[in-house]
Amino acid sequence: MARDNVDLGIVPFSAPLKIHPANGFWIYDDRLVIAEDWHAELWIDDTDSIAVYQRTWNLLRESAVFGTEAQRVITQTQLRS
């Protein structure tokens, strides 16, 4: 099933990072961020905080690979295990 609104990127272990990911988060329609921490799932809906997560996502996206390159990274990982 195709999803037109989902981009799957892979950040290779060798990629230079401008920011290190601290926790998992999902951005929904620029109105909600759901962040997971050790002790809680946080539902964040204020504009300033959402902007922080959007900037974080953009920095991580710069280090990610997509499409054929992402498939190559996954294949290499499978071959090494």
PDB file of N, CA and C in Angstrom:
ATOM      1  N   MET A   1       0.841  -1.162   0.000  1.00  0.00           N
ATOM      2  CA  MET A   1       0.000   0.000   0.000  1.00  0.00           C
ATOM      3  C   MET A   1       0.897   1.239   0.000  1.00  0.00           C
ATOM      4  N   ALA A   2       0.673   2.157  -0.923  1.00  0.00           N
ATOM      5  CA  ALA A   2       1.469   3.373  -1.030  1.00  0.00           C
ATOM      6  C   ALA A   2       0.909   4.456  -0.112  1.00  0.00           C
ATOM      7  N   ARG A   3       1.804   5.221   0.460  1.00  0.00           N
ATOM      8  CA  ARG A   3       1.442   6.355   1.313  1.00  0.00           C
ATOM      9  C   ARG A   3       2.111   7.596   0.727  1.00  0.00           C
ATOM     10  N   ASP A   4       1.332   8.484   0.139  1.00  0.00           N
ATOM     11  CA  ASP A   4       1.894   9.671  -0.487  1.00  0.00           C
ATOM     12  C   ASP A   4       2.443  10.664   0.520  1.00  0.00           C
ATOM     13  N   ASN A   5       2.024  10.585   1.753  1.00  0.00           N
ATOM     14  CA  ASN A   5       2.423  11.584   2.735  1.00  0.00           C
ATOM     15  C   ASN A   5       3.474  11.077   3.720  1.00  0.00           C
ATOM     16  N   VAL A   6       4.154   9.979   3.388  1.00  0.00           N
ATOM     17  CA  VAL A   6       5.163   9.430   4.275  1.00  0.00           C
ATOM     18  C   VAL A   6       6.485   9.322   3.515  1.00  0.00           C
ATOM     19  N   ASP A   7       7.538   9.901   4.091  1.00  0.00           N
ATOM     20  CA  ASP A   7       8.888   9.723   3.570  1.00  0.00           C
ATOM     21  C   ASP A   7       9.650   8.890   4.574  1.00  0.00           C
ATOM     22  N   LEU A   8      10.231   7.797   4.112  1.00  0.00           N
ATOM     23  CA  LEU A   8      11.027   6.964   4.992  1.00  0.00           C
ATOM     24  C   LEU A   8      12.488   7.204   4.676  1.00  0.00           C
ATOM     25  N   GLY A   9      13.189   7.762   5.630  1.00  0.00           N
ATOM     26  CA  GLY A   9      14.616   8.007   5.481  1.00  0.00           C
ATOM     27  C   GLY A   9      15.382   7.193   6.495  1.00  0.00           C
ATOM     28  N   ILE A  10      16.596   6.858   6.143  1.00  0.00           N
ATOM     29  CA  ILE A  10      17.484   6.095   7.013  1.00  0.00           C
ATOM     30  C   ILE A  10      18.700   6.972   7.295  1.00  0.00           C
ATOM     31  N   VAL A  11      19.057   7.108   8.562  1.00  0.00           N
ATOM     32  CA  VAL A  11      20.279   7.824   8.912  1.00  0.00           C
ATOM     33  C   VAL A  11      21.357   6.756   9.122  1.00  0.00           C
ATOM     34  N   PRO A  12      22.298   6.656   8.181  1.00  0.00           N
ATOM     35  CA  PRO A  12      23.356   5.651   8.328  1.00  0.00           C
ATOM     36  C   PRO A  12      24.221   5.930   9.559  1.00  0.00           C
ATOM     37  N   PHE A  13      24.773   4.871  10.138  1.00  0.00           N
ATOM     38  CA  PHE A  13      25.634   5.036  11.306  1.00  0.00           C
ATOM     39  C   PHE A  13      26.827   5.937  10.991  1.00  0.00           C
ATOM     40  N   SER A  14      27.273   5.944   9.742  1.00  0.00           N
ATOM     41  CA  SER A  14      28.443   6.736   9.358  1.00  0.00           C
ATOM     42  C   SER A  14      28.104   8.180   8.995  1.00  0.00           C
ATOM     43  N   ALA A  15      26.839   8.551   9.017  1.00  0.00           N
ATOM     44  CA  ALA A  15      26.431   9.895   8.609  1.00  0.00           C
ATOM     45  C   ALA A  15      26.845  10.933   9.641  1.00  0.00           C
ATOM     46  N   PRO A  16      27.361  12.069   9.181  1.00  0.00           N
ATOM     47  CA  PRO A  16      27.623  13.152  10.120  1.00  0.00           C
ATOM     48  C   PRO A  16      26.293  13.760  10.575  1.00  0.00           C
ATOM     49  N   LEU A  17      26.166  14.003  11.866  1.00  0.00           N
ATOM     50  CA  LEU A  17      24.924  14.551  12.417  1.00  0.00           C
ATOM     51  C   LEU A  17      25.151  15.946  12.956  1.00  0.00           C
ATOM     52  N   LYS A  18      24.211  16.849  12.669  1.00  0.00           N
ATOM     53  CA  LYS A  18      24.255  18.186  13.248  1.00  0.00           C
ATOM     54  C   LYS A  18      23.599  18.192  14.627  1.00  0.00           C
ATOM     55  N   ILE A  19      22.781  17.179  14.881  1.00  0.00           N
ATOM     56  CA  ILE A  19      22.116  17.024  16.175  1.00  0.00           C
ATOM     57  C   ILE A  19      21.919  15.526  16.397  1.00  0.00           C
ATOM     58  N   HIS A  20      22.112  15.086  17.617  1.00  0.00           N
ATOM     59  CA  HIS A  20      21.927  13.672  17.919  1.00  0.00           C
ATOM     60  C   HIS A  20      20.496  13.438  18.393  1.00  0.00           C
ATOM     61  N   PRO A  21      19.844  12.400  17.859  1.00  0.00           N
ATOM     62  CA  PRO A  21      18.466  12.122  18.286  1.00  0.00           C
ATOM     63  C   PRO A  21      18.439  11.697  19.750  1.00  0.00           C
ATOM     64  N   ALA A  22      17.544  12.308  20.495  1.00  0.00           N
ATOM     65  CA  ALA A  22      17.453  12.007  21.917  1.00  0.00           C
ATOM     66  C   ALA A  22      16.281  11.091  22.228  1.00  0.00           C
ATOM     67  N   ASN A  23      15.187  11.247  21.518  1.00  0.00           N
ATOM     68  CA  ASN A  23      14.011  10.419  21.766  1.00  0.00           C
ATOM     69  C   ASN A  23      13.177  10.352  20.491  1.00  0.00           C
ATOM     70  N   GLY A  24      12.280   9.386  20.460  1.00  0.00           N
ATOM     71  CA  GLY A  24      11.412   9.252  19.296  1.00  0.00           C
ATOM     72  C   GLY A  24      10.295  10.284  19.331  1.00  0.00           C
ATOM     73  N   PHE A  25       9.937  10.781  18.141  1.00  0.00           N
ATOM     74  CA  PHE A  25       8.826  11.722  18.073  1.00  0.00           C
ATOM     75  C   PHE A  25       8.167  11.655  16.706  1.00  0.00           C
ATOM     76  N   TRP A  26       6.911  12.050  16.685  1.00  0.00           N
ATOM     77  CA  TRP A  26       6.103  12.082  15.471  1.00  0.00           C
ATOM     78  C   TRP A  26       5.488  13.466  15.358  1.00  0.00           C
ATOM     79  N   ILE A  27       5.522  14.027  14.158  1.00  0.00           N
ATOM     80  CA  ILE A  27       4.914  15.335  13.915  1.00  0.00           C
ATOM     81  C   ILE A  27       3.654  15.100  13.090  1.00  0.00           C
ATOM     82  N   TYR A  28       2.528  15.589  13.587  1.00  0.00           N
ATOM     83  CA  TYR A  28       1.241  15.433  12.908  1.00  0.00           C
ATOM     84  C   TYR A  28       0.729  16.793  12.439  1.00  0.00           C
ATOM     85  N   ASP A  29       0.692  17.008  11.150  1.00  0.00           N
ATOM     86  CA  ASP A  29       0.036  18.171  10.547  1.00  0.00           C
ATOM     87  C   ASP A  29       0.400  19.508  11.170  1.00  0.00           C
ATOM     88  N   ASP A  30       1.591  19.696  11.645  1.00  0.00           N
ATOM     89  CA  ASP A  30       2.026  20.956  12.256  1.00  0.00           C
ATOM     90  C   ASP A  30       1.136  21.420  13.402  1.00  0.00           C
ATOM     91  N   ARG A  31       0.333  20.500  13.949  1.00  0.00           N
ATOM     92  CA  ARG A  31      -0.551  20.851  15.066  1.00  0.00           C
ATOM     93  C   ARG A  31      -0.264  20.042  16.316  1.00  0.00           C
ATOM     94  N   LEU A  32       0.469  18.957  16.148  1.00  0.00           N
ATOM     95  CA  LEU A  32       0.697  18.065  17.283  1.00  0.00           C
ATOM     96  C   LEU A  32       2.013  17.324  17.098  1.00  0.00           C
ATOM     97  N   VAL A  33       2.765  17.234  18.169  1.00  0.00           N
ATOM     98  CA  VAL A  33       3.947  16.378  18.232  1.00  0.00           C
ATOM     99  C   VAL A  33       3.714  15.401  19.373  1.00  0.00           C
ATOM    100  N   ILE A  34       3.955  14.136  19.111  1.00  0.00           N
ATOM    101  CA  ILE A  34       3.933  13.129  20.166  1.00  0.00           C
ATOM    102  C   ILE A  34       5.372  12.670  20.347  1.00  0.00           C
ATOM    103  N   ALA A  35       5.893  12.880  21.550  1.00  0.00           N
ATOM    104  CA  ALA A  35       7.267  12.527  21.870  1.00  0.00           C
ATOM    105  C   ALA A  35       7.269  11.456  22.941  1.00  0.00           C
ATOM    106  N   GLU A  36       8.149  10.488  22.790  1.00  0.00           N
ATOM    107  CA  GLU A  36       8.281   9.432  23.794  1.00  0.00           C
ATOM    108  C   GLU A  36       9.535   9.675  24.606  1.00  0.00           C
ATOM    109  N   ASP A  37       9.392   9.570  25.895  1.00  0.00           N
ATOM    110  CA  ASP A  37      10.516   9.681  26.803  1.00  0.00           C
ATOM    111  C   ASP A  37      10.527   8.416  27.658  1.00  0.00           C
ATOM    112  N   TRP A  38      11.497   8.289  28.550  1.00  0.00           N
ATOM    113  CA  TRP A  38      11.587   7.093  29.380  1.00  0.00           C
ATOM    114  C   TRP A  38      10.351   6.899  30.242  1.00  0.00           C
ATOM    115  N   HIS A  39       9.768   7.976  30.670  1.00  0.00           N
ATOM    116  CA  HIS A  39       8.713   7.874  31.669  1.00  0.00           C
ATOM    117  C   HIS A  39       7.334   8.291  31.168  1.00  0.00           C
ATOM    118  N   ALA A  40       7.239   8.798  29.935  1.00  0.00           N
ATOM    119  CA  ALA A  40       5.942   9.319  29.501  1.00  0.00           C
ATOM    120  C   ALA A  40       5.867   9.476  27.989  1.00  0.00           C
ATOM    121  N   GLU A  41       4.653   9.516  27.503  1.00  0.00           N
ATOM    122  CA  GLU A  41       4.375   9.913  26.135  1.00  0.00           C
ATOM    123  C   GLU A  41       3.815  11.334  26.220  1.00  0.00           C
ATOM    124  N   LEU A  42       4.477  12.260  25.572  1.00  0.00           N
ATOM    125  CA  LEU A  42       4.105  13.666  25.675  1.00  0.00           C
ATOM    126  C   LEU A  42       3.343  14.105  24.433  1.00  0.00           C
ATOM    127  N   TRP A  43       2.215  14.748  24.608  1.00  0.00           N
ATOM    128  CA  TRP A  43       1.427  15.310  23.509  1.00  0.00           C
ATOM    129  C   TRP A  43       1.651  16.812  23.536  1.00  0.00           C
ATOM    130  N   ILE A  44       2.352  17.323  22.563  1.00  0.00           N
ATOM    131  CA  ILE A  44       2.780  18.715  22.535  1.00  0.00           C
ATOM    132  C   ILE A  44       2.017  19.437  21.428  1.00  0.00           C
ATOM    133  N   ASP A  45       1.308  20.515  21.813  1.00  0.00           N
ATOM    134  CA  ASP A  45       0.497  21.199  20.808  1.00  0.00           C
ATOM    135  C   ASP A  45       0.701  22.711  20.769  1.00  0.00           C
ATOM    136  N   ASP A  46       1.713  23.214  21.500  1.00  0.00           N
ATOM    137  CA  ASP A  46       1.946  24.662  21.408  1.00  0.00           C
ATOM    138  C   ASP A  46       2.909  24.953  20.252  1.00  0.00           C
ATOM    139  N   THR A  47       2.678  26.035  19.575  1.00  0.00           N
ATOM    140  CA  THR A  47       3.362  26.384  18.322  1.00  0.00           C
ATOM    141  C   THR A  47       4.878  26.452  18.488  1.00  0.00           C
ATOM    142  N   ASP A  48       5.362  27.065  19.551  1.00  0.00           N
ATOM    143  CA  ASP A  48       6.803  27.208  19.737  1.00  0.00           C
ATOM    144  C   ASP A  48       7.491  25.855  19.903  1.00  0.00           C
ATOM    145  N   SER A  49       6.898  24.969  20.665  1.00  0.00           N
ATOM    146  CA  SER A  49       7.490  23.643  20.872  1.00  0.00           C
ATOM    147  C   SER A  49       7.440  22.808  19.602  1.00  0.00           C
ATOM    148  N   ILE A  50       6.349  22.902  18.861  1.00  0.00           N
ATOM    149  CA  ILE A  50       6.254  22.178  17.589  1.00  0.00           C
ATOM    150  C   ILE A  50       7.351  22.661  16.645  1.00  0.00           C
ATOM    151  N   ALA A  51       7.631  23.961  16.651  1.00  0.00           N
ATOM    152  CA  ALA A  51       8.686  24.516  15.804  1.00  0.00           C
ATOM    153  C   ALA A  51      10.053  23.935  16.160  1.00  0.00           C
ATOM    154  N   VAL A  52      10.305  23.691  17.440  1.00  0.00           N
ATOM    155  CA  VAL A  52      11.564  23.072  17.868  1.00  0.00           C
ATOM    156  C   VAL A  52      11.683  21.671  17.275  1.00  0.00           C
ATOM    157  N   TYR A  53      10.623  20.890  17.354  1.00  0.00           N
ATOM    158  CA  TYR A  53      10.652  19.537  16.791  1.00  0.00           C
ATOM    159  C   TYR A  53      10.781  19.567  15.272  1.00  0.00           C
ATOM    160  N   GLN A  54      10.166  20.540  14.626  1.00  0.00           N
ATOM    161  CA  GLN A  54      10.288  20.656  13.167  1.00  0.00           C
ATOM    162  C   GLN A  54      11.728  20.978  12.771  1.00  0.00           C
ATOM    163  N   ARG A  55      12.377  21.866  13.519  1.00  0.00           N
ATOM    164  CA  ARG A  55      13.790  22.174  13.242  1.00  0.00           C
ATOM    165  C   ARG A  55      14.665  20.948  13.488  1.00  0.00           C
ATOM    166  N   THR A  56      14.375  20.208  14.545  1.00  0.00           N
ATOM    167  CA  THR A  56      15.120  18.982  14.839  1.00  0.00           C
ATOM    168  C   THR A  56      14.964  17.985  13.709  1.00  0.00           C
ATOM    169  N   TRP A  57      13.733  17.797  13.236  1.00  0.00           N
ATOM    170  CA  TRP A  57      13.469  16.887  12.135  1.00  0.00           C
ATOM    171  C   TRP A  57      14.250  17.309  10.890  1.00  0.00           C
ATOM    172  N   ASN A  58      14.241  18.607  10.585  1.00  0.00           N
ATOM    173  CA  ASN A  58      14.950  19.091   9.396  1.00  0.00           C
ATOM    174  C   ASN A  58      16.448  18.825   9.491  1.00  0.00           C
ATOM    175  N   LEU A  59      17.029  18.991  10.672  1.00  0.00           N
ATOM    176  CA  LEU A  59      18.454  18.697  10.846  1.00  0.00           C
ATOM    177  C   LEU A  59      18.743  17.211  10.677  1.00  0.00           C
ATOM    178  N   LEU A  60      17.891  16.351  11.232  1.00  0.00           N
ATOM    179  CA  LEU A  60      18.082  14.904  11.072  1.00  0.00           C
ATOM    180  C   LEU A  60      17.891  14.486   9.612  1.00  0.00           C
ATOM    181  N   ARG A  61      16.931  15.105   8.947  1.00  0.00           N
ATOM    182  CA  ARG A  61      16.640  14.779   7.536  1.00  0.00           C
ATOM    183  C   ARG A  61      17.843  15.065   6.646  1.00  0.00           C
ATOM    184  N   GLU A  62      18.618  16.096   6.982  1.00  0.00           N
ATOM    185  CA  GLU A  62      19.804  16.428   6.193  1.00  0.00           C
ATOM    186  C   GLU A  62      20.829  15.297   6.198  1.00  0.00           C
ATOM    187  N   SER A  63      20.835  14.478   7.239  1.00  0.00           N
ATOM    188  CA  SER A  63      21.781  13.365   7.348  1.00  0.00           C
ATOM    189  C   SER A  63      21.216  12.053   6.815  1.00  0.00           C
ATOM    190  N   ALA A  64      19.941  12.032   6.502  1.00  0.00           N
ATOM    191  CA  ALA A  64      19.279  10.795   6.069  1.00  0.00           C
ATOM    192  C   ALA A  64      19.458  10.558   4.573  1.00  0.00           C
ATOM    193  N   VAL A  65      19.302   9.305   4.199  1.00  0.00           N
ATOM    194  CA  VAL A  65      19.255   8.920   2.791  1.00  0.00           C
ATOM    195  C   VAL A  65      17.875   8.352   2.506  1.00  0.00           C
ATOM    196  N   PHE A  66      17.457   8.439   1.263  1.00  0.00           N
ATOM    197  CA  PHE A  66      16.112   8.041   0.866  1.00  0.00           C
ATOM    198  C   PHE A  66      16.175   7.176  -0.378  1.00  0.00           C
ATOM    199  N   GLY A  67      15.072   6.504  -0.663  1.00  0.00           N
ATOM    200  CA  GLY A  67      14.933   5.744  -1.911  1.00  0.00           C
ATOM    201  C   GLY A  67      15.956   4.643  -2.049  1.00  0.00           C
ATOM    202  N   THR A  68      16.598   4.581  -3.214  1.00  0.00           N
ATOM    203  CA  THR A  68      17.557   3.523  -3.531  1.00  0.00           C
ATOM    204  C   THR A  68      18.719   3.505  -2.553  1.00  0.00           C
ATOM    205  N   GLU A  69      19.199   4.683  -2.163  1.00  0.00           N
ATOM    206  CA  GLU A  69      20.312   4.744  -1.218  1.00  0.00           C
ATOM    207  C   GLU A  69      19.904   4.177   0.142  1.00  0.00           C
ATOM    208  N   ALA A  70      18.693   4.441   0.588  1.00  0.00           N
ATOM    209  CA  ALA A  70      18.203   3.884   1.849  1.00  0.00           C
ATOM    210  C   ALA A  70      18.104   2.359   1.749  1.00  0.00           C
ATOM    211  N   GLN A  71      17.639   1.865   0.614  1.00  0.00           N
ATOM    212  CA  GLN A  71      17.553   0.414   0.419  1.00  0.00           C
ATOM    213  C   GLN A  71      18.944  -0.220   0.467  1.00  0.00           C
ATOM    214  N   ARG A  72      19.947   0.474  -0.086  1.00  0.00           N
ATOM    215  CA  ARG A  72      21.310  -0.038  -0.052  1.00  0.00           C
ATOM    216  C   ARG A  72      21.814  -0.129   1.387  1.00  0.00           C
ATOM    217  N   VAL A  73      21.541   0.871   2.203  1.00  0.00           N
ATOM    218  CA  VAL A  73      21.964   0.859   3.604  1.00  0.00           C
ATOM    219  C   VAL A  73      21.314  -0.308   4.340  1.00  0.00           C
ATOM    220  N   ILE A  74      20.029  -0.533   4.119  1.00  0.00           N
ATOM    221  CA  ILE A  74      19.323  -1.640   4.770  1.00  0.00           C
ATOM    222  C   ILE A  74      19.912  -2.977   4.328  1.00  0.00           C
ATOM    223  N   THR A  75      20.169  -3.121   3.038  1.00  0.00           N
ATOM    224  CA  THR A  75      20.742  -4.371   2.513  1.00  0.00           C
ATOM    225  C   THR A  75      22.112  -4.629   3.121  1.00  0.00           C
ATOM    226  N   GLN A  76      22.961  -3.607   3.203  1.00  0.00           N
ATOM    227  CA  GLN A  76      24.284  -3.782   3.801  1.00  0.00           C
ATOM    228  C   GLN A  76      24.183  -4.199   5.260  1.00  0.00           C
ATOM    229  N   THR A  77      23.227  -3.647   5.973  1.00  0.00           N
ATOM    230  CA  THR A  77      23.031  -3.984   7.375  1.00  0.00           C
ATOM    231  C   THR A  77      22.611  -5.440   7.513  1.00  0.00           C
ATOM    232  N   GLN A  78      21.740  -5.901   6.632  1.00  0.00           N
ATOM    233  CA  GLN A  78      21.281  -7.290   6.669  1.00  0.00           C
ATOM    234  C   GLN A  78      22.399  -8.243   6.349  1.00  0.00           C
ATOM    235  N   LEU A  79      23.291  -7.879   5.429  1.00  0.00           N
ATOM    236  CA  LEU A  79      24.392  -8.747   5.047  1.00  0.00           C
ATOM    237  C   LEU A  79      25.414  -8.885   6.177  1.00  0.00           C
ATOM    238  N   ARG A  80      25.537  -7.872   7.012  1.00  0.00           N
ATOM    239  CA  ARG A  80      26.510  -7.894   8.106  1.00  0.00           C
ATOM    240  C   ARG A  80      26.015  -8.667   9.319  1.00  0.00           C
ATOM    241  N   SER A  81      24.717  -8.882   9.424  1.00  0.00           N
ATOM    242  CA  SER A  81      24.209  -9.552  10.629  1.00  0.00           C
ATOM    243  C   SER A  81      24.186 -11.045  10.482  1.00  0.00           C
TER     244      SER A  81
END
